[in-house]
Amino acid sequence: MVRKAAVAGYFYPGRERELRQMIEELFYSEWGPGGKEEELKKWKEVSGVVSPHAGYIYSGAVACWSFYSLSLASPVDTIVIIGPNHRGVGKKVALSDTDVWETPLGEVAVDLEAVEFLASHYPLFSPDSRAHQLEHSIEVQIPFLQYFLPYPFQILPVTVWDQTLEVALEISQALQDLSLKRKIVIVASSDFSHYEPAQVAEAKDSHAISYIVSLQTEEFYKVIRRENISICGPAGIAALMDFHKSCSRGEGKLLFYSHSGKITGDYQEVVGYTSLIFPVATD
């Protein structure tokens, strides 16, 4: 069974040539990592990245930072992509049970053995294609993986409707166990502040990012509640934070932050976008 692209031609170009051209342009744009590649070559082992999931014209340049950095790190077997379930359809933590996901850049296989392992050992996880059918937060990450990664890989798509810290920690524990069976990296898909004035969004998001990179999961959730920060995928981020703590003593790193106002010119209602990386300390 194939999971067809749901937002090709809407969030990103629907034809291969145009899509490749757009990603290249985003990479070398004012907000992309093009020309700054040397500073990203120092991390060879990575547990995961945070990447935005808006339309490419808005957040694609920021996303390039995460995926180009992944392309420089050691190869992995499976990319675990955790995205929020914006539509609230299906199970609260839903695995994709299709064989492959299709984008204009081709097909990517789902790690069905990993799906079976999680579904059979952890009641939190349920295979549920309905939750993935129209959701964009995972889909928009895949063309970047296809474009940047220089090796074959499988994906493990996970949509999350229940964004609580408790669920995030359960996801982390399950992925720690999975990582004993194959080498994985996590892509936590999330946008940050939504429809705030630019200065407000930047201040709020900066506070949240400070707790993310310092791996303070409880404080991350507290600052979201305290400052009413409309981060749409906190559980995926927190799961990555906790997973990273299990395999490294090092902190996360901010790669790049921007917002939609720099593209649209509207600084009164912006959406914040960030790329973060979690390098594994080797010393």
C-alpha atoms as a PDB file:
ATOM      1  CA  MET A   1       0.000   0.000   0.000  1.00  0.00           C
ATOM      2  CA  VAL A   2       1.261   3.485  -0.931  1.00  0.00           C
ATOM      3  CA  ARG A   3       0.627   6.653   1.029  1.00  0.00           C
ATOM      4  CA  LYS A   4       0.174   9.205  -1.754  1.00  0.00           C
ATOM      5  CA  ALA A   5       1.350  12.769  -1.292  1.00  0.00           C
ATOM      6  CA  ALA A   6      -1.488  14.843   0.180  1.00  0.00           C
ATOM      7  CA  VAL A   7      -0.028  18.368  -0.017  1.00  0.00           C
ATOM      8  CA  ALA A   8       2.207  18.242  -3.113  1.00  0.00           C
ATOM      9  CA  GLY A   9       1.338  21.220  -5.283  1.00  0.00           C
ATOM     10  CA  TYR A  10       0.191  23.088  -2.184  1.00  0.00           C
ATOM     11  CA  PHE A  11       2.869  23.082   0.517  1.00  0.00           C
ATOM     12  CA  TYR A  12       5.594  22.356  -2.037  1.00  0.00           C
ATOM     13  CA  PRO A  13       5.825  21.889  -5.832  1.00  0.00           C
ATOM     14  CA  GLY A  14       4.112  18.828  -7.225  1.00  0.00           C
ATOM     15  CA  ARG A  15       6.671  18.100  -9.941  1.00  0.00           C
ATOM     16  CA  GLU A  16      10.149  16.697  -9.368  1.00  0.00           C
ATOM     17  CA  ARG A  17      12.096  19.276 -11.364  1.00  0.00           C
ATOM     18  CA  GLU A  18      10.361  22.259  -9.758  1.00  0.00           C
ATOM     19  CA  LEU A  19      10.687  20.716  -6.299  1.00  0.00           C
ATOM     20  CA  ARG A  20      14.424  20.094  -6.649  1.00  0.00           C
ATOM     21  CA  GLN A  21      14.911  23.604  -7.991  1.00  0.00           C
ATOM     22  CA  MET A  22      12.964  25.119  -5.100  1.00  0.00           C
ATOM     23  CA  ILE A  23      14.953  23.264  -2.450  1.00  0.00           C
ATOM     24  CA  GLU A  24      18.201  24.356  -4.083  1.00  0.00           C
ATOM     25  CA  GLU A  25      17.012  27.972  -4.127  1.00  0.00           C
ATOM     26  CA  LEU A  26      15.943  27.763  -0.488  1.00  0.00           C
ATOM     27  CA  PHE A  27      19.317  26.292   0.463  1.00  0.00           C
ATOM     28  CA  TYR A  28      21.181  29.231  -1.086  1.00  0.00           C
ATOM     29  CA  SER A  29      18.684  31.883  -0.033  1.00  0.00           C
ATOM     30  CA  GLU A  30      19.336  34.584   2.560  1.00  0.00           C
ATOM     31  CA  TRP A  31      17.944  32.329   5.302  1.00  0.00           C
ATOM     32  CA  GLY A  32      19.378  29.017   4.124  1.00  0.00           C
ATOM     33  CA  PRO A  33      22.692  27.323   5.045  1.00  0.00           C
ATOM     34  CA  GLY A  34      24.254  27.724   1.606  1.00  0.00           C
ATOM     35  CA  GLY A  35      27.676  29.355   1.961  1.00  0.00           C
ATOM     36  CA  LYS A  36      27.822  28.400   5.653  1.00  0.00           C
ATOM     37  CA  GLU A  37      28.414  24.687   5.168  1.00  0.00           C
ATOM     38  CA  GLU A  38      31.748  24.501   7.008  1.00  0.00           C
ATOM     39  CA  GLU A  39      30.235  25.341  10.379  1.00  0.00           C
ATOM     40  CA  LEU A  40      27.853  22.375  10.090  1.00  0.00           C
ATOM     41  CA  LYS A  41      30.479  19.686   9.419  1.00  0.00           C
ATOM     42  CA  LYS A  42      31.542  19.235  13.051  1.00  0.00           C
ATOM     43  CA  TRP A  43      28.718  16.897  14.119  1.00  0.00           C
ATOM     44  CA  LYS A  44      29.184  13.316  12.947  1.00  0.00           C
ATOM     45  CA  GLU A  45      26.802  11.582  15.338  1.00  0.00           C
ATOM     46  CA  VAL A  46      23.352  13.079  15.770  1.00  0.00           C
ATOM     47  CA  SER A  47      20.323  11.831  17.687  1.00  0.00           C
ATOM     48  CA  GLY A  48      17.863  14.114  15.920  1.00  0.00           C
ATOM     49  CA  VAL A  49      16.754  17.489  14.637  1.00  0.00           C
ATOM     50  CA  VAL A  50      13.764  19.807  14.975  1.00  0.00           C
ATOM     51  CA  SER A  51      12.347  21.083  11.688  1.00  0.00           C
ATOM     52  CA  PRO A  52       9.377  23.295  10.735  1.00  0.00           C
ATOM     53  CA  HIS A  53       6.491  22.097   8.571  1.00  0.00           C
ATOM     54  CA  ALA A  54       4.898  25.109   6.902  1.00  0.00           C
ATOM     55  CA  GLY A  55       4.759  25.681   3.168  1.00  0.00           C
ATOM     56  CA  TYR A  56       8.247  25.607   1.728  1.00  0.00           C
ATOM     57  CA  ILE A  57       8.111  29.249   0.663  1.00  0.00           C
ATOM     58  CA  TYR A  58       7.729  30.215   4.320  1.00  0.00           C
ATOM     59  CA  SER A  59       9.802  27.704   6.307  1.00  0.00           C
ATOM     60  CA  GLY A  60      11.749  25.689   3.740  1.00  0.00           C
ATOM     61  CA  ALA A  61      14.985  27.655   4.062  1.00  0.00           C
ATOM     62  CA  VAL A  62      14.966  27.093   7.820  1.00  0.00           C
ATOM     63  CA  ALA A  63      14.279  23.374   7.322  1.00  0.00           C
ATOM     64  CA  CYS A  64      17.315  23.119   5.036  1.00  0.00           C
ATOM     65  CA  TRP A  65      19.570  23.738   8.034  1.00  0.00           C
ATOM     66  CA  SER A  66      18.332  20.586   9.772  1.00  0.00           C
ATOM     67  CA  PHE A  67      18.403  18.286   6.782  1.00  0.00           C
ATOM     68  CA  TYR A  68      21.709  19.451   5.364  1.00  0.00           C
ATOM     69  CA  SER A  69      23.224  18.891   8.819  1.00  0.00           C
ATOM     70  CA  LEU A  70      21.775  15.373   8.863  1.00  0.00           C
ATOM     71  CA  SER A  71      23.344  14.703   5.473  1.00  0.00           C
ATOM     72  CA  LEU A  72      26.789  15.370   6.958  1.00  0.00           C
ATOM     73  CA  ALA A  73      26.298  13.024   9.910  1.00  0.00           C
ATOM     74  CA  SER A  74      26.862   9.265   9.987  1.00  0.00           C
ATOM     75  CA  PRO A  75      24.256   7.245   8.067  1.00  0.00           C
ATOM     76  CA  VAL A  76      21.358   5.678   9.945  1.00  0.00           C
ATOM     77  CA  ASP A  77      18.924   2.899   9.121  1.00  0.00           C
ATOM     78  CA  THR A  78      15.627   4.583   9.924  1.00  0.00           C
ATOM     79  CA  ILE A  79      14.404   8.179  10.198  1.00  0.00           C
ATOM     80  CA  VAL A  80      11.717   8.468  12.874  1.00  0.00           C
ATOM     81  CA  ILE A  81       9.528  11.440  11.911  1.00  0.00           C
ATOM     82  CA  ILE A  82       7.245  12.637  14.722  1.00  0.00           C
ATOM     83  CA  GLY A  83       4.618  15.174  13.712  1.00  0.00           C
ATOM     84  CA  PRO A  84       1.533  16.676  15.345  1.00  0.00           C
ATOM     85  CA  ASN A  85      -1.881  15.448  14.239  1.00  0.00           C
ATOM     86  CA  HIS A  86      -3.470  18.765  13.276  1.00  0.00           C
ATOM     87  CA  ARG A  87      -6.820  17.242  12.273  1.00  0.00           C
ATOM     88  CA  GLY A  88      -7.328  15.095  15.350  1.00  0.00           C
ATOM     89  CA  VAL A  89      -8.214  12.086  13.213  1.00  0.00           C
ATOM     90  CA  GLY A  90      -7.315   8.565  14.342  1.00  0.00           C
ATOM     91  CA  LYS A  91      -5.382   7.240  17.313  1.00  0.00           C
ATOM     92  CA  LYS A  92      -3.574   9.513  19.760  1.00  0.00           C
ATOM     93  CA  VAL A  93      -0.160   8.122  18.715  1.00  0.00           C
ATOM     94  CA  ALA A  94      -0.469   6.642  15.242  1.00  0.00           C
ATOM     95  CA  LEU A  95       2.065   4.673  13.242  1.00  0.00           C
ATOM     96  CA  SER A  96       1.920   4.555   9.462  1.00  0.00           C
ATOM     97  CA  ASP A  97       1.116   1.037   8.271  1.00  0.00           C
ATOM     98  CA  THR A  98       1.592   1.642   4.558  1.00  0.00           C
ATOM     99  CA  ASP A  99       4.519   0.064   2.703  1.00  0.00           C
ATOM    100  CA  VAL A 100       5.871   3.283   1.192  1.00  0.00           C
ATOM    101  CA  TRP A 101       5.312   7.041   1.147  1.00  0.00           C
ATOM    102  CA  GLU A 102       5.348   8.732  -2.229  1.00  0.00           C
ATOM    103  CA  THR A 103       6.489  12.262  -3.046  1.00  0.00           C
ATOM    104  CA  PRO A 104       7.426  13.902  -6.362  1.00  0.00           C
ATOM    105  CA  LEU A 105      11.005  12.754  -5.648  1.00  0.00           C
ATOM    106  CA  GLY A 106      10.017   9.088  -5.522  1.00  0.00           C
ATOM    107  CA  GLU A 107       9.063   6.483  -2.946  1.00  0.00           C
ATOM    108  CA  VAL A 108      10.491   5.901   0.530  1.00  0.00           C
ATOM    109  CA  ALA A 109       9.934   2.606   2.337  1.00  0.00           C
ATOM    110  CA  VAL A 110       8.352   2.492   5.778  1.00  0.00           C
ATOM    111  CA  ASP A 111      10.249   0.449   8.352  1.00  0.00           C
ATOM    112  CA  LEU A 112       7.459  -2.080   8.879  1.00  0.00           C
ATOM    113  CA  GLU A 113       9.546  -4.178  11.270  1.00  0.00           C
ATOM    114  CA  ALA A 114       9.857  -1.129  13.514  1.00  0.00           C
ATOM    115  CA  VAL A 115       6.117  -0.522  13.197  1.00  0.00           C
ATOM    116  CA  GLU A 116       5.456  -4.106  14.291  1.00  0.00           C
ATOM    117  CA  PHE A 117       7.929  -3.851  17.175  1.00  0.00           C
ATOM    118  CA  LEU A 118       6.383  -0.672  18.590  1.00  0.00           C
ATOM    119  CA  ALA A 119       2.785  -1.763  18.050  1.00  0.00           C
ATOM    120  CA  SER A 120       3.329  -5.158  19.677  1.00  0.00           C
ATOM    121  CA  HIS A 121       5.351  -3.983  22.674  1.00  0.00           C
ATOM    122  CA  TYR A 122       3.871  -0.578  23.519  1.00  0.00           C
ATOM    123  CA  PRO A 123       0.073  -0.069  23.805  1.00  0.00           C
ATOM    124  CA  LEU A 124       0.573   3.665  23.221  1.00  0.00           C
ATOM    125  CA  PHE A 125       1.297   3.045  19.527  1.00  0.00           C
ATOM    126  CA  SER A 126      -1.402   2.026  17.031  1.00  0.00           C
ATOM    127  CA  PRO A 127      -1.038   1.493  13.277  1.00  0.00           C
ATOM    128  CA  ASP A 128      -3.609   3.862  11.801  1.00  0.00           C
ATOM    129  CA  SER A 129      -3.481   5.095   8.220  1.00  0.00           C
ATOM    130  CA  ARG A 130      -6.361   7.530   8.815  1.00  0.00           C
ATOM    131  CA  ALA A 131      -4.195   9.692  11.044  1.00  0.00           C
ATOM    132  CA  HIS A 132      -1.629  10.053   8.239  1.00  0.00           C
ATOM    133  CA  GLN A 133      -3.850  10.298   5.188  1.00  0.00           C
ATOM    134  CA  LEU A 134      -4.191  14.089   5.035  1.00  0.00           C
ATOM    135  CA  GLU A 135      -1.672  15.233   7.673  1.00  0.00           C
ATOM    136  CA  HIS A 136       1.104  17.454   6.327  1.00  0.00           C
ATOM    137  CA  SER A 137       3.528  17.711   9.260  1.00  0.00           C
ATOM    138  CA  ILE A 138       5.382  14.502   8.377  1.00  0.00           C
ATOM    139  CA  GLU A 139       4.940  14.578   4.622  1.00  0.00           C
ATOM    140  CA  VAL A 140       6.714  17.905   4.122  1.00  0.00           C
ATOM    141  CA  GLN A 141       9.870  16.554   5.794  1.00  0.00           C
ATOM    142  CA  ILE A 142      10.309  13.673   3.374  1.00  0.00           C
ATOM    143  CA  PRO A 143      11.342  15.542   0.193  1.00  0.00           C
ATOM    144  CA  PHE A 144      14.115  17.220   2.204  1.00  0.00           C
ATOM    145  CA  LEU A 145      15.349  13.802   3.321  1.00  0.00           C
ATOM    146  CA  GLN A 146      15.196  12.532  -0.250  1.00  0.00           C
ATOM    147  CA  TYR A 147      17.044  15.573  -1.554  1.00  0.00           C
ATOM    148  CA  PHE A 148      19.808  15.811   1.050  1.00  0.00           C
ATOM    149  CA  LEU A 149      20.581  12.332   2.397  1.00  0.00           C
ATOM    150  CA  PRO A 150      23.268  10.592   0.305  1.00  0.00           C
ATOM    151  CA  TYR A 151      22.333   7.064   1.404  1.00  0.00           C
ATOM    152  CA  PRO A 152      19.247   4.787   1.348  1.00  0.00           C
ATOM    153  CA  PHE A 153      17.007   4.937   4.399  1.00  0.00           C
ATOM    154  CA  GLN A 154      13.612   3.921   5.713  1.00  0.00           C
ATOM    155  CA  ILE A 155      11.140   6.100   7.577  1.00  0.00           C
ATOM    156  CA  LEU A 156       8.987   5.557  10.646  1.00  0.00           C
ATOM    157  CA  PRO A 157       6.170   8.148  10.548  1.00  0.00           C
ATOM    158  CA  VAL A 158       4.455   8.847  13.897  1.00  0.00           C
ATOM    159  CA  THR A 159       1.592  11.311  14.276  1.00  0.00           C
ATOM    160  CA  VAL A 160       0.780  12.530  17.768  1.00  0.00           C
ATOM    161  CA  TRP A 161      -2.623  13.868  18.805  1.00  0.00           C
ATOM    162  CA  ASP A 162      -1.989  13.745  22.581  1.00  0.00           C
ATOM    163  CA  GLN A 163       0.780  16.306  23.095  1.00  0.00           C
ATOM    164  CA  THR A 164       1.311  15.786  26.833  1.00  0.00           C
ATOM    165  CA  LEU A 165       4.725  15.357  28.416  1.00  0.00           C
ATOM    166  CA  GLU A 166       3.703  11.920  29.678  1.00  0.00           C
ATOM    167  CA  VAL A 167       3.109  10.738  26.122  1.00  0.00           C
ATOM    168  CA  ALA A 168       6.375  12.310  24.962  1.00  0.00           C
ATOM    169  CA  LEU A 169       8.338  10.394  27.582  1.00  0.00           C
ATOM    170  CA  GLU A 170       6.602   7.130  26.657  1.00  0.00           C
ATOM    171  CA  ILE A 171       7.512   7.696  23.014  1.00  0.00           C
ATOM    172  CA  SER A 172      11.117   8.371  24.020  1.00  0.00           C
ATOM    173  CA  GLN A 173      11.370   5.157  26.022  1.00  0.00           C
ATOM    174  CA  ALA A 174       9.980   3.103  23.162  1.00  0.00           C
ATOM    175  CA  LEU A 175      12.431   4.679  20.724  1.00  0.00           C
ATOM    176  CA  GLN A 176      15.314   4.023  23.109  1.00  0.00           C
ATOM    177  CA  ASP A 177      14.393   0.350  22.974  1.00  0.00           C
ATOM    178  CA  LEU A 178      14.030   0.479  19.194  1.00  0.00           C
ATOM    179  CA  SER A 179      17.486   2.047  18.913  1.00  0.00           C
ATOM    180  CA  LEU A 180      18.957  -1.160  20.339  1.00  0.00           C
ATOM    181  CA  LYS A 181      17.735  -2.945  17.202  1.00  0.00           C
ATOM    182  CA  ARG A 182      18.690  -0.416  14.501  1.00  0.00           C
ATOM    183  CA  LYS A 183      20.390   2.950  14.196  1.00  0.00           C
ATOM    184  CA  ILE A 184      17.783   5.706  14.191  1.00  0.00           C
ATOM    185  CA  VAL A 185      17.589   9.473  14.101  1.00  0.00           C
ATOM    186  CA  ILE A 186      14.534  11.521  15.068  1.00  0.00           C
ATOM    187  CA  VAL A 187      13.003  14.388  13.117  1.00  0.00           C
ATOM    188  CA  ALA A 188      10.650  16.328  15.391  1.00  0.00           C
ATOM    189  CA  SER A 189       8.295  18.304  13.171  1.00  0.00           C
ATOM    190  CA  SER A 190       6.958  21.510  14.702  1.00  0.00           C
ATOM    191  CA  ASP A 191       6.297  25.157  14.054  1.00  0.00           C
ATOM    192  CA  PHE A 192       6.657  27.580  16.943  1.00  0.00           C
ATOM    193  CA  SER A 193       4.610  30.681  17.854  1.00  0.00           C
ATOM    194  CA  HIS A 194       1.543  31.149  15.666  1.00  0.00           C
ATOM    195  CA  TYR A 195       0.047  34.514  14.608  1.00  0.00           C
ATOM    196  CA  GLU A 196       1.833  36.714  17.105  1.00  0.00           C
ATOM    197  CA  PRO A 197       3.562  40.062  16.485  1.00  0.00           C
ATOM    198  CA  ALA A 198       7.140  39.359  15.444  1.00  0.00           C
ATOM    199  CA  GLN A 199       8.767  40.718  18.602  1.00  0.00           C
ATOM    200  CA  VAL A 200       6.417  38.734  20.814  1.00  0.00           C
ATOM    201  CA  ALA A 201       6.954  35.526  18.818  1.00  0.00           C
ATOM    202  CA  GLU A 202      10.722  35.934  18.874  1.00  0.00           C
ATOM    203  CA  ALA A 203      10.785  36.481  22.644  1.00  0.00           C
ATOM    204  CA  LYS A 204       8.478  33.571  23.418  1.00  0.00           C
ATOM    205  CA  ASP A 205      10.226  31.200  21.049  1.00  0.00           C
ATOM    206  CA  SER A 206      13.641  32.187  22.404  1.00  0.00           C
ATOM    207  CA  HIS A 207      12.503  31.225  25.901  1.00  0.00           C
ATOM    208  CA  ALA A 208      11.214  27.863  24.694  1.00  0.00           C
ATOM    209  CA  ILE A 209      14.368  27.163  22.666  1.00  0.00           C
ATOM    210  CA  SER A 210      16.566  27.836  25.704  1.00  0.00           C
ATOM    211  CA  TYR A 211      14.845  25.002  27.571  1.00  0.00           C
ATOM    212  CA  ILE A 212      14.899  22.717  24.532  1.00  0.00           C
ATOM    213  CA  VAL A 213      18.638  22.969  23.917  1.00  0.00           C
ATOM    214  CA  SER A 214      19.346  22.543  27.642  1.00  0.00           C
ATOM    215  CA  LEU A 215      17.171  19.384  27.629  1.00  0.00           C
ATOM    216  CA  GLN A 216      14.830  20.585  30.392  1.00  0.00           C
ATOM    217  CA  THR A 217      11.655  18.796  29.347  1.00  0.00           C
ATOM    218  CA  GLU A 218       9.509  19.789  32.320  1.00  0.00           C
ATOM    219  CA  GLU A 219      10.575  23.436  32.123  1.00  0.00           C
ATOM    220  CA  PHE A 220       9.874  23.374  28.386  1.00  0.00           C
ATOM    221  CA  TYR A 221       6.270  22.420  29.059  1.00  0.00           C
ATOM    222  CA  LYS A 222       6.010  24.927  31.908  1.00  0.00           C
ATOM    223  CA  VAL A 223       7.154  27.833  29.750  1.00  0.00           C
ATOM    224  CA  ILE A 224       4.682  26.823  27.041  1.00  0.00           C
ATOM    225  CA  ARG A 225       1.845  27.032  29.572  1.00  0.00           C
ATOM    226  CA  ARG A 226       3.162  30.087  31.400  1.00  0.00           C
ATOM    227  CA  GLU A 227       3.705  32.211  28.283  1.00  0.00           C
ATOM    228  CA  ASN A 228       0.957  30.618  26.168  1.00  0.00           C
ATOM    229  CA  ILE A 229       3.375  29.630  23.408  1.00  0.00           C
ATOM    230  CA  SER A 230       1.528  28.033  20.503  1.00  0.00           C
ATOM    231  CA  ILE A 231       4.136  25.397  19.598  1.00  0.00           C
ATOM    232  CA  CYS A 232       2.166  22.739  17.729  1.00  0.00           C
ATOM    233  CA  GLY A 233       4.476  19.740  18.179  1.00  0.00           C
ATOM    234  CA  PRO A 234       5.840  19.857  21.741  1.00  0.00           C
ATOM    235  CA  ALA A 235       5.547  16.106  22.306  1.00  0.00           C
ATOM    236  CA  GLY A 236       7.812  15.268  19.383  1.00  0.00           C
ATOM    237  CA  ILE A 237      10.355  17.839  20.563  1.00  0.00           C
ATOM    238  CA  ALA A 238      10.230  16.570  24.148  1.00  0.00           C
ATOM    239  CA  ALA A 239      10.531  12.959  22.998  1.00  0.00           C
ATOM    240  CA  LEU A 240      13.669  13.912  21.070  1.00  0.00           C
ATOM    241  CA  MET A 241      15.052  15.816  24.083  1.00  0.00           C
ATOM    242  CA  ASP A 242      14.556  12.825  26.366  1.00  0.00           C
ATOM    243  CA  PHE A 243      15.877  10.369  23.772  1.00  0.00           C
ATOM    244  CA  HIS A 244      18.982  12.510  23.353  1.00  0.00           C
ATOM    245  CA  LYS A 245      19.633  12.484  27.103  1.00  0.00           C
ATOM    246  CA  SER A 246      19.714   8.687  26.956  1.00  0.00           C
ATOM    247  CA  CYS A 247      22.591   8.641  24.458  1.00  0.00           C
ATOM    248  CA  SER A 248      24.609  11.813  25.056  1.00  0.00           C
ATOM    249  CA  ARG A 249      25.757  14.246  27.735  1.00  0.00           C
ATOM    250  CA  GLY A 250      25.808  17.132  25.288  1.00  0.00           C
ATOM    251  CA  GLU A 251      23.089  19.737  24.796  1.00  0.00           C
ATOM    252  CA  GLY A 252      21.132  20.633  21.695  1.00  0.00           C
ATOM    253  CA  LYS A 253      22.193  23.432  19.363  1.00  0.00           C
ATOM    254  CA  LEU A 254      20.181  26.141  17.637  1.00  0.00           C
ATOM    255  CA  LEU A 255      20.962  26.111  13.923  1.00  0.00           C
ATOM    256  CA  PHE A 256      18.646  28.860  12.721  1.00  0.00           C
ATOM    257  CA  TYR A 257      15.478  30.738  13.696  1.00  0.00           C
ATOM    258  CA  SER A 258      13.217  32.875  11.547  1.00  0.00           C
ATOM    259  CA  HIS A 259       9.541  33.673  11.049  1.00  0.00           C
ATOM    260  CA  SER A 260       7.019  34.106   8.268  1.00  0.00           C
ATOM    261  CA  GLY A 261       7.073  37.905   8.446  1.00  0.00           C
ATOM    262  CA  LYS A 262      10.483  37.957   6.782  1.00  0.00           C
ATOM    263  CA  ILE A 263       8.856  36.365   3.732  1.00  0.00           C
ATOM    264  CA  THR A 264       5.416  38.001   3.712  1.00  0.00           C
ATOM    265  CA  GLY A 265       6.351  41.406   5.103  1.00  0.00           C
ATOM    266  CA  ASP A 266       3.570  41.092   7.691  1.00  0.00           C
ATOM    267  CA  TYR A 267       5.223  41.469  11.091  1.00  0.00           C
ATOM    268  CA  GLN A 268       1.942  41.692  13.009  1.00  0.00           C
ATOM    269  CA  GLU A 269       0.970  38.020  12.683  1.00  0.00           C
ATOM    270  CA  VAL A 270       3.937  35.741  12.185  1.00  0.00           C
ATOM    271  CA  VAL A 271       4.642  32.031  12.607  1.00  0.00           C
ATOM    272  CA  GLY A 272       7.995  31.092  14.105  1.00  0.00           C
ATOM    273  CA  TYR A 273      10.275  28.477  12.533  1.00  0.00           C
ATOM    274  CA  THR A 274      13.401  26.899  13.960  1.00  0.00           C
ATOM    275  CA  SER A 275      16.000  24.276  13.124  1.00  0.00           C
ATOM    276  CA  LEU A 276      17.705  22.576  16.042  1.00  0.00           C
ATOM    277  CA  ILE A 277      20.214  19.754  16.121  1.00  0.00           C
ATOM    278  CA  PHE A 278      21.139  17.312  18.888  1.00  0.00           C
ATOM    279  CA  PRO A 279      24.752  16.204  18.423  1.00  0.00           C
ATOM    280  CA  VAL A 280      25.932  13.114  20.288  1.00  0.00           C
ATOM    281  CA  ALA A 281      28.993  13.890  22.375  1.00  0.00           C
ATOM    282  CA  THR A 282      31.795  11.455  21.559  1.00  0.00           C
ATOM    283  CA  ASP A 283      34.258  12.354  24.337  1.00  0.00           C
END
